[in-house]
């Protein structure tokens, strides 16, 4: 399978503005509470880091940060690889009774978030678990809904939303690609 550019969804400036807007939504919805931002490996981590900086600049109190690897919790693990790539999970030790915000790039079928919820439950009992995503592209297979959405779009099954972040990909942009 190869991918062909269909259109650019966000430029670097729009990516920056969207992350700041997501951070503002989190601050407003959780006024007065200290949240924990957990980036889902891979692109959720730099998203969460940037949002944490904005929240800290805005409130004077940066949120706790963490990262979550969901690979061993995937429901399609045997179909994806015989040897899954396991990355780091770093969860603050005191997440019991905290408001945790899962951060991911694209919400599609809901299966990644379902895996993240299964993984997160192993670490304690949070007060709330909320979800922040860059792009919600629809096509849910599980009853998962984001609390904070950067952009909601309608996509076709043959399209892929590709988020690129400078920390990983060398550029900030979001593209909609077509499978060929």
Protein backbone atom coordinates (compact mmCIF):
# COMPACT_ATOMS: atom_id res chain seq x y z
CA UNK A 1 0.00 0.00 0.00
CA UNK A 2 1.25 3.46 -0.84
CA UNK A 3 -0.12 6.83 0.18
CA UNK A 4 -0.78 9.82 -2.06
CA UNK A 5 -1.39 13.33 -0.74
CA UNK A 6 -5.04 14.25 -0.94
CA UNK A 7 -4.86 17.63 0.86
CA UNK A 8 -3.19 19.48 3.72
CA UNK A 9 -5.50 19.74 6.73
CA UNK A 10 -3.29 21.98 8.92
CA UNK A 11 -0.17 24.09 8.45
CA UNK A 12 2.50 24.53 11.13
CA UNK A 13 0.79 27.67 12.42
CA UNK A 14 -2.56 25.91 12.58
CA UNK A 15 -0.98 22.97 14.43
CA UNK A 16 0.47 25.37 17.02
CA UNK A 17 -2.81 27.25 17.38
CA UNK A 18 -4.81 24.03 17.69
CA UNK A 19 -2.55 22.69 20.45
CA UNK A 20 -2.90 25.97 22.33
CA UNK A 21 -6.67 25.86 21.88
CA UNK A 22 -6.79 22.27 23.19
CA UNK A 23 -4.74 23.37 26.22
CA UNK A 24 -7.17 26.25 26.84
CA UNK A 25 -10.14 23.86 26.66
CA UNK A 26 -8.47 21.60 29.23
CA UNK A 27 -7.80 24.51 31.58
CA UNK A 28 -11.39 25.75 31.27
CA UNK A 29 -12.99 22.33 31.77
CA UNK A 30 -10.76 21.50 34.74
CA UNK A 31 -10.67 24.91 36.42
CA UNK A 32 -8.86 24.80 39.73
CA UNK A 33 -7.91 21.13 39.43
CA UNK A 34 -4.42 19.85 38.74
CA UNK A 35 -4.50 17.54 35.73
CA UNK A 36 -2.07 14.87 34.60
CA UNK A 37 -1.37 14.80 30.85
CA UNK A 38 -0.52 11.36 29.47
CA UNK A 39 0.71 11.25 25.90
CA UNK A 40 0.04 8.01 24.05
CA UNK A 41 3.19 6.77 22.28
CA UNK A 42 4.29 8.25 19.79
CA UNK A 43 2.82 11.55 18.67
CA UNK A 44 0.67 12.00 21.76
CA UNK A 45 3.83 12.63 23.77
CA UNK A 46 5.07 15.80 22.01
CA UNK A 47 1.46 17.00 21.82
CA UNK A 48 1.10 16.57 25.60
CA UNK A 49 4.47 18.24 26.23
CA UNK A 50 3.52 21.29 24.19
CA UNK A 51 0.10 21.53 25.82
CA UNK A 52 1.68 21.19 29.29
CA UNK A 53 4.01 24.09 28.54
CA UNK A 54 1.07 26.24 27.42
CA UNK A 55 -0.96 25.28 30.50
CA UNK A 56 2.02 26.06 32.75
CA UNK A 57 2.57 29.43 31.06
CA UNK A 58 -1.13 30.26 31.38
CA UNK A 59 -1.76 29.07 34.94
CA UNK A 60 1.67 29.23 36.56
CA UNK A 61 1.27 25.55 37.47
CA UNK A 62 2.48 23.08 34.83
CA UNK A 63 0.57 19.80 34.91
CA UNK A 64 2.20 16.51 35.71
CA UNK A 65 3.27 14.62 32.61
CA UNK A 66 3.56 11.02 31.60
CA UNK A 67 3.70 8.71 28.61
CA UNK A 68 1.75 5.57 27.89
CA UNK A 69 2.68 2.68 25.59
CA UNK A 70 -0.40 0.65 24.67
CA UNK A 71 1.18 -1.96 22.39
CA UNK A 72 0.77 -4.88 24.79
CA UNK A 73 -2.89 -3.95 25.35
CA UNK A 74 -3.91 -3.89 21.68
CA UNK A 75 -6.74 -6.21 20.69
CA UNK A 76 -5.04 -6.87 17.34
CA UNK A 77 -1.56 -7.57 18.73
CA UNK A 78 -1.20 -10.96 17.03
CA UNK A 79 -2.23 -9.47 13.68
CA UNK A 80 0.16 -6.52 13.84
CA UNK A 81 3.49 -8.18 14.62
CA UNK A 82 5.01 -11.31 16.07
CA UNK A 83 7.36 -9.18 18.18
CA UNK A 84 5.66 -5.89 19.14
CA UNK A 85 7.82 -2.81 19.61
CA UNK A 86 7.48 -1.91 23.28
CA UNK A 87 8.23 1.69 24.15
CA UNK A 88 8.43 3.48 27.48
CA UNK A 89 5.54 3.97 29.84
CA UNK A 90 6.08 6.57 32.55
CA UNK A 91 3.09 7.28 34.76
CA UNK A 92 3.31 9.64 37.75
CA UNK A 93 3.15 7.49 40.88
CA UNK A 94 0.24 9.38 42.41
CA UNK A 95 -2.52 9.31 39.77
CA UNK A 96 -5.16 7.95 42.15
CA UNK A 97 -8.03 10.46 42.41
CA UNK A 98 -6.43 12.70 39.75
CA UNK A 99 -7.95 14.06 36.56
CA UNK A 100 -6.02 12.34 33.78
CA UNK A 101 -6.06 13.61 30.21
CA UNK A 102 -5.08 11.05 27.56
CA UNK A 103 -3.52 12.81 24.57
CA UNK A 104 -3.43 11.26 21.09
CA UNK A 105 -3.12 12.51 17.54
CA UNK A 106 -6.04 10.91 15.65
CA UNK A 107 -9.27 9.36 16.93
CA UNK A 108 -10.51 6.84 14.39
CA UNK A 109 -12.05 3.47 15.36
CA UNK A 110 -11.56 4.01 19.09
CA UNK A 111 -9.49 0.86 19.48
CA UNK A 112 -6.28 2.72 20.42
CA UNK A 113 -8.11 4.57 23.17
CA UNK A 114 -9.77 1.35 24.32
CA UNK A 115 -6.27 -0.14 24.65
CA UNK A 116 -5.09 2.97 26.50
CA UNK A 117 -7.96 2.68 28.97
CA UNK A 118 -7.13 -0.98 29.63
CA UNK A 119 -3.48 -0.05 30.20
CA UNK A 120 -4.27 2.94 32.40
CA UNK A 121 -6.58 1.01 34.72
CA UNK A 122 -3.57 -1.12 35.71
CA UNK A 123 -1.96 1.99 37.25
CA UNK A 124 -4.66 3.10 39.67
CA UNK A 125 -8.08 4.63 40.05
CA UNK A 126 -8.23 8.08 38.55
CA UNK A 127 -10.89 10.65 39.46
CA UNK A 128 -11.62 11.16 35.76
CA UNK A 129 -10.10 10.07 32.48
CA UNK A 130 -10.57 12.57 29.67
CA UNK A 131 -9.43 12.44 26.05
CA UNK A 132 -7.79 15.16 23.93
CA UNK A 133 -7.16 14.52 20.22
CA UNK A 134 -5.85 16.59 17.33
CA UNK A 135 -8.24 15.13 14.77
CA UNK A 136 -11.48 13.16 15.13
CA UNK A 137 -12.08 11.48 11.79
CA UNK A 138 -15.12 9.37 12.70
CA UNK A 139 -15.67 5.70 11.83
CA UNK A 140 -15.93 4.50 15.45
CA UNK A 141 -15.96 0.76 16.18
CA UNK A 142 -16.08 1.29 19.96
CA UNK A 143 -18.20 3.76 21.94
CA UNK A 144 -15.36 6.22 22.53
CA UNK A 145 -15.78 10.00 22.44
CA UNK A 146 -13.15 12.72 22.89
CA UNK A 147 -13.64 15.50 25.45
CA UNK A 148 -11.33 17.88 23.59
CA UNK A 149 -11.04 17.89 19.79
CA UNK A 150 -8.75 20.06 17.69
CA UNK A 151 -10.57 19.42 14.42
CA UNK A 152 -13.39 17.09 13.43
CA UNK A 153 -13.47 15.91 9.82
CA UNK A 154 -15.30 13.35 7.75
CA UNK A 155 -13.04 10.88 6.01
CA UNK A 156 -13.50 7.93 3.73
CA UNK A 157 -12.21 4.45 4.54
CA UNK A 158 -9.50 4.74 1.88
CA UNK A 159 -8.07 7.88 3.50
CA UNK A 160 -5.46 8.20 6.23
CA UNK A 161 -4.90 11.22 8.47
CA UNK A 162 -1.17 11.74 8.87
CA UNK A 163 -0.05 13.97 11.74
CA UNK A 164 3.53 15.19 11.51
CA UNK A 165 5.23 16.82 14.46
CA UNK A 166 8.64 18.48 14.41
CA UNK A 167 9.94 16.39 17.32
CA UNK A 168 9.41 13.15 15.38
CA UNK A 169 8.94 14.05 11.71
CA UNK A 170 10.89 17.29 11.29
CA UNK A 171 7.79 19.37 10.49
CA UNK A 172 4.45 20.41 11.95
CA UNK A 173 1.58 19.64 9.58
CA UNK A 174 -1.44 17.41 9.18
CA UNK A 175 -2.24 15.78 5.86
CA UNK A 176 -5.06 13.64 4.55
CA UNK A 177 -3.58 10.92 2.40
CA UNK A 178 -5.28 8.53 0.02
CA UNK A 179 -4.40 4.82 0.00
CA UNK A 180 -3.43 3.67 -3.50
